[in-house]
């Protein structure tokens, strides 16, 4: 399987975030990539509705929908 190398500065920041929120770095990276791809998809489709998924301290997802 392909495993891209991350910038060491990003790894350091991810580690600090992992320690503060208590989630594995792989989960944080998955969330970030999913959000990035969702935003890119919305840009390409010309969607005027943006859906934000935010994760609170307990790891529960909150969905907020708004018109851009």
PDB file of N, CA and C in Angstrom:
ATOM      1  N   UNK A   1       0.842  -1.177   0.000  1.00  0.00           N
ATOM      2  CA  UNK A   1       0.000   0.000   0.000  1.00  0.00           C
ATOM      3  C   UNK A   1       0.890   1.245   0.000  1.00  0.00           C
ATOM      4  N   UNK A   2       0.442   2.272  -0.681  1.00  0.00           N
ATOM      5  CA  UNK A   2       1.169   3.535  -0.759  1.00  0.00           C
ATOM      6  C   UNK A   2       1.025   4.300   0.556  1.00  0.00           C
ATOM      7  N   UNK A   3       2.144   4.738   1.107  1.00  0.00           N
ATOM      8  CA  UNK A   3       2.138   5.530   2.344  1.00  0.00           C
ATOM      9  C   UNK A   3       2.926   6.808   2.111  1.00  0.00           C
ATOM     10  N   UNK A   4       2.225   7.903   1.826  1.00  0.00           N
ATOM     11  CA  UNK A   4       2.933   9.159   1.568  1.00  0.00           C
ATOM     12  C   UNK A   4       3.652   9.668   2.812  1.00  0.00           C
ATOM     13  N   UNK A   5       4.796  10.294   2.595  1.00  0.00           N
ATOM     14  CA  UNK A   5       5.571  10.861   3.698  1.00  0.00           C
ATOM     15  C   UNK A   5       5.037  12.253   3.996  1.00  0.00           C
ATOM     16  N   UNK A   6       4.792  12.513   5.256  1.00  0.00           N
ATOM     17  CA  UNK A   6       4.315  13.825   5.682  1.00  0.00           C
ATOM     18  C   UNK A   6       5.489  14.694   6.087  1.00  0.00           C
ATOM     19  N   UNK A   7       5.308  15.978   5.917  1.00  0.00           N
ATOM     20  CA  UNK A   7       6.295  16.969   6.332  1.00  0.00           C
ATOM     21  C   UNK A   7       6.514  16.820   7.846  1.00  0.00           C
ATOM     22  N   UNK A   8       7.766  16.754   8.306  1.00  0.00           N
ATOM     23  CA  UNK A   8       8.037  16.595   9.747  1.00  0.00           C
ATOM     24  C   UNK A   8       7.378  17.666  10.624  1.00  0.00           C
ATOM     25  N   UNK A   9       7.261  18.884  10.112  1.00  0.00           N
ATOM     26  CA  UNK A   9       6.590  19.940  10.881  1.00  0.00           C
ATOM     27  C   UNK A   9       5.107  19.612  11.084  1.00  0.00           C
ATOM     28  N   UNK A  10       4.476  19.030  10.047  1.00  0.00           N
ATOM     29  CA  UNK A  10       3.077  18.639  10.182  1.00  0.00           C
ATOM     30  C   UNK A  10       2.919  17.496  11.173  1.00  0.00           C
ATOM     31  N   UNK A  11       3.846  16.557  11.155  1.00  0.00           N
ATOM     32  CA  UNK A  11       3.796  15.435  12.093  1.00  0.00           C
ATOM     33  C   UNK A  11       3.891  15.950  13.520  1.00  0.00           C
ATOM     34  N   UNK A  12       4.775  16.908  13.746  1.00  0.00           N
ATOM     35  CA  UNK A  12       4.940  17.488  15.077  1.00  0.00           C
ATOM     36  C   UNK A  12       3.638  18.148  15.546  1.00  0.00           C
ATOM     37  N   UNK A  13       3.012  18.932  14.652  1.00  0.00           N
ATOM     38  CA  UNK A  13       1.767  19.612  15.000  1.00  0.00           C
ATOM     39  C   UNK A  13       0.637  18.609  15.221  1.00  0.00           C
ATOM     40  N   UNK A  14       0.593  17.572  14.387  1.00  0.00           N
ATOM     41  CA  UNK A  14      -0.419  16.529  14.563  1.00  0.00           C
ATOM     42  C   UNK A  14      -0.247  15.809  15.897  1.00  0.00           C
ATOM     43  N   UNK A  15       0.985  15.563  16.266  1.00  0.00           N
ATOM     44  CA  UNK A  15       1.250  14.901  17.551  1.00  0.00           C
ATOM     45  C   UNK A  15       0.743  15.759  18.712  1.00  0.00           C
ATOM     46  N   UNK A  16       1.015  17.072  18.636  1.00  0.00           N
ATOM     47  CA  UNK A  16       0.541  17.975  19.686  1.00  0.00           C
ATOM     48  C   UNK A  16      -0.987  17.991  19.744  1.00  0.00           C
ATOM     49  N   UNK A  17      -1.629  17.982  18.571  1.00  0.00           N
ATOM     50  CA  UNK A  17      -3.088  17.960  18.524  1.00  0.00           C
ATOM     51  C   UNK A  17      -3.621  16.643  19.075  1.00  0.00           C
ATOM     52  N   UNK A  18      -2.978  15.548  18.720  1.00  0.00           N
ATOM     53  CA  UNK A  18      -3.343  14.219  19.232  1.00  0.00           C
ATOM     54  C   UNK A  18      -3.313  14.209  20.753  1.00  0.00           C
ATOM     55  N   UNK A  19      -2.292  14.777  21.322  1.00  0.00           N
ATOM     56  CA  UNK A  19      -2.166  14.798  22.777  1.00  0.00           C
ATOM     57  C   UNK A  19      -3.258  15.662  23.420  1.00  0.00           C
ATOM     58  N   UNK A  20      -3.646  16.746  22.774  1.00  0.00           N
ATOM     59  CA  UNK A  20      -4.650  17.632  23.374  1.00  0.00           C
ATOM     60  C   UNK A  20      -6.075  17.108  23.208  1.00  0.00           C
ATOM     61  N   UNK A  21      -6.371  16.403  22.108  1.00  0.00           N
ATOM     62  CA  UNK A  21      -7.740  15.925  21.900  1.00  0.00           C
ATOM     63  C   UNK A  21      -7.909  14.445  22.209  1.00  0.00           C
ATOM     64  N   UNK A  22      -6.806  13.725  22.358  1.00  0.00           N
ATOM     65  CA  UNK A  22      -6.878  12.316  22.724  1.00  0.00           C
ATOM     66  C   UNK A  22      -7.327  11.380  21.616  1.00  0.00           C
ATOM     67  N   UNK A  23      -7.075  11.762  20.378  1.00  0.00           N
ATOM     68  CA  UNK A  23      -7.440  10.916  19.243  1.00  0.00           C
ATOM     69  C   UNK A  23      -6.171  10.507  18.508  1.00  0.00           C
ATOM     70  N   UNK A  24      -6.156   9.317  17.921  1.00  0.00           N
ATOM     71  CA  UNK A  24      -4.982   8.903  17.146  1.00  0.00           C
ATOM     72  C   UNK A  24      -4.735   9.837  15.960  1.00  0.00           C
ATOM     73  N   UNK A  25      -3.465   9.983  15.613  1.00  0.00           N
ATOM     74  CA  UNK A  25      -3.103  10.854  14.498  1.00  0.00           C
ATOM     75  C   UNK A  25      -3.766  10.398  13.202  1.00  0.00           C
ATOM     76  N   UNK A  26      -3.911   9.095  13.005  1.00  0.00           N
ATOM     77  CA  UNK A  26      -4.555   8.612  11.784  1.00  0.00           C
ATOM     78  C   UNK A  26      -5.996   9.093  11.683  1.00  0.00           C
ATOM     79  N   UNK A  27      -6.699   9.169  12.819  1.00  0.00           N
ATOM     80  CA  UNK A  27      -8.075   9.674  12.801  1.00  0.00           C
ATOM     81  C   UNK A  27      -8.089  11.161  12.455  1.00  0.00           C
ATOM     82  N   UNK A  28      -7.157  11.916  13.021  1.00  0.00           N
ATOM     83  CA  UNK A  28      -7.081  13.348  12.735  1.00  0.00           C
ATOM     84  C   UNK A  28      -6.791  13.594  11.255  1.00  0.00           C
ATOM     85  N   UNK A  29      -5.876  12.808  10.693  1.00  0.00           N
ATOM     86  CA  UNK A  29      -5.522  12.967   9.282  1.00  0.00           C
ATOM     87  C   UNK A  29      -6.702  12.582   8.396  1.00  0.00           C
ATOM     88  N   UNK A  30      -7.386  11.481   8.735  1.00  0.00           N
ATOM     89  CA  UNK A  30      -8.566  11.081   7.955  1.00  0.00           C
ATOM     90  C   UNK A  30      -9.624  12.176   7.961  1.00  0.00           C
ATOM     91  N   UNK A  31      -9.895  12.755   9.128  1.00  0.00           N
ATOM     92  CA  UNK A  31     -10.882  13.835   9.219  1.00  0.00           C
ATOM     93  C   UNK A  31     -10.470  15.028   8.357  1.00  0.00           C
ATOM     94  N   UNK A  32      -9.192  15.388   8.408  1.00  0.00           N
ATOM     95  CA  UNK A  32      -8.702  16.537   7.640  1.00  0.00           C
ATOM     96  C   UNK A  32      -8.816  16.285   6.139  1.00  0.00           C
ATOM     97  N   UNK A  33      -8.440  15.100   5.697  1.00  0.00           N
ATOM     98  CA  UNK A  33      -8.499  14.785   4.266  1.00  0.00           C
ATOM     99  C   UNK A  33      -9.951  14.702   3.799  1.00  0.00           C
ATOM    100  N   UNK A  34     -10.824  14.089   4.604  1.00  0.00           N
ATOM    101  CA  UNK A  34     -12.242  14.030   4.245  1.00  0.00           C
ATOM    102  C   UNK A  34     -12.828  15.431   4.086  1.00  0.00           C
ATOM    103  N   UNK A  35     -12.514  16.317   5.023  1.00  0.00           N
ATOM    104  CA  UNK A  35     -13.014  17.696   4.955  1.00  0.00           C
ATOM    105  C   UNK A  35     -12.472  18.410   3.721  1.00  0.00           C
ATOM    106  N   UNK A  36     -11.194  18.248   3.440  1.00  0.00           N
ATOM    107  CA  UNK A  36     -10.576  18.876   2.267  1.00  0.00           C
ATOM    108  C   UNK A  36     -11.260  18.386   0.992  1.00  0.00           C
ATOM    109  N   UNK A  37     -11.440  17.075   0.857  1.00  0.00           N
ATOM    110  CA  UNK A  37     -12.066  16.517  -0.341  1.00  0.00           C
ATOM    111  C   UNK A  37     -13.520  16.961  -0.473  1.00  0.00           C
ATOM    112  N   UNK A  38     -14.241  17.046   0.646  1.00  0.00           N
ATOM    113  CA  UNK A  38     -15.624  17.522   0.621  1.00  0.00           C
ATOM    114  C   UNK A  38     -15.680  18.962   0.110  1.00  0.00           C
ATOM    115  N   UNK A  39     -14.773  19.799   0.605  1.00  0.00           N
ATOM    116  CA  UNK A  39     -14.748  21.200   0.161  1.00  0.00           C
ATOM    117  C   UNK A  39     -14.381  21.313  -1.319  1.00  0.00           C
ATOM    118  N   UNK A  40     -13.405  20.532  -1.762  1.00  0.00           N
ATOM    119  CA  UNK A  40     -13.014  20.549  -3.176  1.00  0.00           C
ATOM    120  C   UNK A  40     -14.169  20.082  -4.049  1.00  0.00           C
ATOM    121  N   UNK A  41     -14.886  19.063  -3.606  1.00  0.00           N
ATOM    122  CA  UNK A  41     -16.031  18.556  -4.354  1.00  0.00           C
ATOM    123  C   UNK A  41     -17.112  19.628  -4.459  1.00  0.00           C
ATOM    124  N   UNK A  42     -17.356  20.348  -3.354  1.00  0.00           N
ATOM    125  CA  UNK A  42     -18.345  21.433  -3.374  1.00  0.00           C
ATOM    126  C   UNK A  42     -17.927  22.546  -4.319  1.00  0.00           C
ATOM    127  N   UNK A  43     -16.645  22.884  -4.348  1.00  0.00           N
ATOM    128  CA  UNK A  43     -16.146  23.920  -5.258  1.00  0.00           C
ATOM    129  C   UNK A  43     -16.359  23.506  -6.709  1.00  0.00           C
ATOM    130  N   UNK A  44     -16.027  22.266  -7.021  1.00  0.00           N
ATOM    131  CA  UNK A  44     -16.123  21.779  -8.390  1.00  0.00           C
ATOM    132  C   UNK A  44     -17.565  21.630  -8.851  1.00  0.00           C
ATOM    133  N   UNK A  45     -18.457  21.278  -7.939  1.00  0.00           N
ATOM    134  CA  UNK A  45     -19.853  21.079  -8.318  1.00  0.00           C
ATOM    135  C   UNK A  45     -20.629  22.388  -8.344  1.00  0.00           C
ATOM    136  N   UNK A  46     -20.009  23.455  -7.840  1.00  0.00           N
ATOM    137  CA  UNK A  46     -20.680  24.746  -7.823  1.00  0.00           C
ATOM    138  C   UNK A  46     -21.780  24.821  -6.792  1.00  0.00           C
ATOM    139  N   UNK A  47     -21.705  23.975  -5.791  1.00  0.00           N
ATOM    140  CA  UNK A  47     -22.724  23.941  -4.750  1.00  0.00           C
ATOM    141  C   UNK A  47     -22.692  25.235  -3.947  1.00  0.00           C
ATOM    142  N   UNK A  48     -23.882  25.762  -3.635  1.00  0.00           N
ATOM    143  CA  UNK A  48     -23.932  26.965  -2.803  1.00  0.00           C
ATOM    144  C   UNK A  48     -24.318  26.635  -1.370  1.00  0.00           C
ATOM    145  N   UNK A  49     -24.395  25.357  -1.071  1.00  0.00           N
ATOM    146  CA  UNK A  49     -24.655  24.919   0.289  1.00  0.00           C
ATOM    147  C   UNK A  49     -23.421  24.242   0.831  1.00  0.00           C
ATOM    148  N   UNK A  50     -22.997  24.662   1.994  1.00  0.00           N
ATOM    149  CA  UNK A  50     -21.818  24.082   2.622  1.00  0.00           C
ATOM    150  C   UNK A  50     -22.249  23.366   3.888  1.00  0.00           C
ATOM    151  N   UNK A  51     -21.772  22.150   4.056  1.00  0.00           N
ATOM    152  CA  UNK A  51     -22.065  21.385   5.251  1.00  0.00           C
ATOM    153  C   UNK A  51     -20.778  21.249   6.039  1.00  0.00           C
ATOM    154  N   UNK A  52     -20.787  21.737   7.262  1.00  0.00           N
ATOM    155  CA  UNK A  52     -19.635  21.625   8.147  1.00  0.00           C
ATOM    156  C   UNK A  52     -19.882  20.508   9.137  1.00  0.00           C
ATOM    157  N   UNK A  53     -18.902  19.631   9.267  1.00  0.00           N
ATOM    158  CA  UNK A  53     -18.971  18.591  10.284  1.00  0.00           C
ATOM    159  C   UNK A  53     -17.879  18.893  11.289  1.00  0.00           C
ATOM    160  N   UNK A  54     -18.280  19.146  12.511  1.00  0.00           N
ATOM    161  CA  UNK A  54     -17.338  19.477  13.564  1.00  0.00           C
ATOM    162  C   UNK A  54     -17.369  18.366  14.598  1.00  0.00           C
ATOM    163  N   UNK A  55     -16.216  18.050  15.126  1.00  0.00           N
ATOM    164  CA  UNK A  55     -16.123  17.001  16.136  1.00  0.00           C
ATOM    165  C   UNK A  55     -15.855  17.665  17.471  1.00  0.00           C
ATOM    166  N   UNK A  56     -16.720  17.388  18.450  1.00  0.00           N
ATOM    167  CA  UNK A  56     -16.524  17.982  19.759  1.00  0.00           C
ATOM    168  C   UNK A  56     -15.538  17.155  20.572  1.00  0.00           C
ATOM    169  N   UNK A  57     -15.314  17.550  21.823  1.00  0.00           N
ATOM    170  CA  UNK A  57     -14.305  16.893  22.660  1.00  0.00           C
ATOM    171  C   UNK A  57     -14.577  15.411  22.870  1.00  0.00           C
ATOM    172  N   UNK A  58     -15.810  15.001  22.830  1.00  0.00           N
ATOM    173  CA  UNK A  58     -16.163  13.598  23.054  1.00  0.00           C
ATOM    174  C   UNK A  58     -16.075  12.768  21.777  1.00  0.00           C
ATOM    175  N   UNK A  59     -15.739  13.389  20.652  1.00  0.00           N
ATOM    176  CA  UNK A  59     -15.648  12.666  19.393  1.00  0.00           C
ATOM    177  C   UNK A  59     -16.977  12.558  18.664  1.00  0.00           C
ATOM    178  N   UNK A  60     -18.012  13.260  19.153  1.00  0.00           N
ATOM    179  CA  UNK A  60     -19.309  13.249  18.484  1.00  0.00           C
ATOM    180  C   UNK A  60     -19.312  14.277  17.360  1.00  0.00           C
ATOM    181  N   UNK A  61     -19.896  13.896  16.236  1.00  0.00           N
ATOM    182  CA  UNK A  61     -19.938  14.818  15.104  1.00  0.00           C
ATOM    183  C   UNK A  61     -21.189  15.680  15.172  1.00  0.00           C
ATOM    184  N   UNK A  62     -21.000  16.963  14.943  1.00  0.00           N
ATOM    185  CA  UNK A  62     -22.111  17.913  14.859  1.00  0.00           C
ATOM    186  C   UNK A  62     -22.138  18.421  13.426  1.00  0.00           C
ATOM    187  N   UNK A  63     -23.304  18.348  12.798  1.00  0.00           N
ATOM    188  CA  UNK A  63     -23.427  18.796  11.408  1.00  0.00           C
ATOM    189  C   UNK A  63     -24.164  20.123  11.401  1.00  0.00           C
ATOM    190  N   UNK A  64     -23.535  21.100  10.742  1.00  0.00           N
ATOM    191  CA  UNK A  64     -24.144  22.401  10.597  1.00  0.00           C
ATOM    192  C   UNK A  64     -24.239  22.711   9.106  1.00  0.00           C
ATOM    193  N   UNK A  65     -25.431  23.066   8.632  1.00  0.00           N
ATOM    194  CA  UNK A  65     -25.605  23.352   7.223  1.00  0.00           C
ATOM    195  C   UNK A  65     -25.911  24.832   7.076  1.00  0.00           C
ATOM    196  N   UNK A  66     -25.277  25.454   6.096  1.00  0.00           N
ATOM    197  CA  UNK A  66     -25.487  26.854   5.854  1.00  0.00           C
ATOM    198  C   UNK A  66     -25.422  27.174   4.374  1.00  0.00           C
ATOM    199  N   UNK A  67     -25.949  28.298   4.004  1.00  0.00           N
ATOM    200  CA  UNK A  67     -25.904  28.753   2.616  1.00  0.00           C
ATOM    201  C   UNK A  67     -24.708  29.685   2.472  1.00  0.00           C
ATOM    202  N   UNK A  68     -23.903  29.415   1.455  1.00  0.00           N
ATOM    203  CA  UNK A  68     -22.703  30.224   1.221  1.00  0.00           C
ATOM    204  C   UNK A  68     -23.025  31.421   0.361  1.00  0.00           C
TER     205      UNK A  68
END
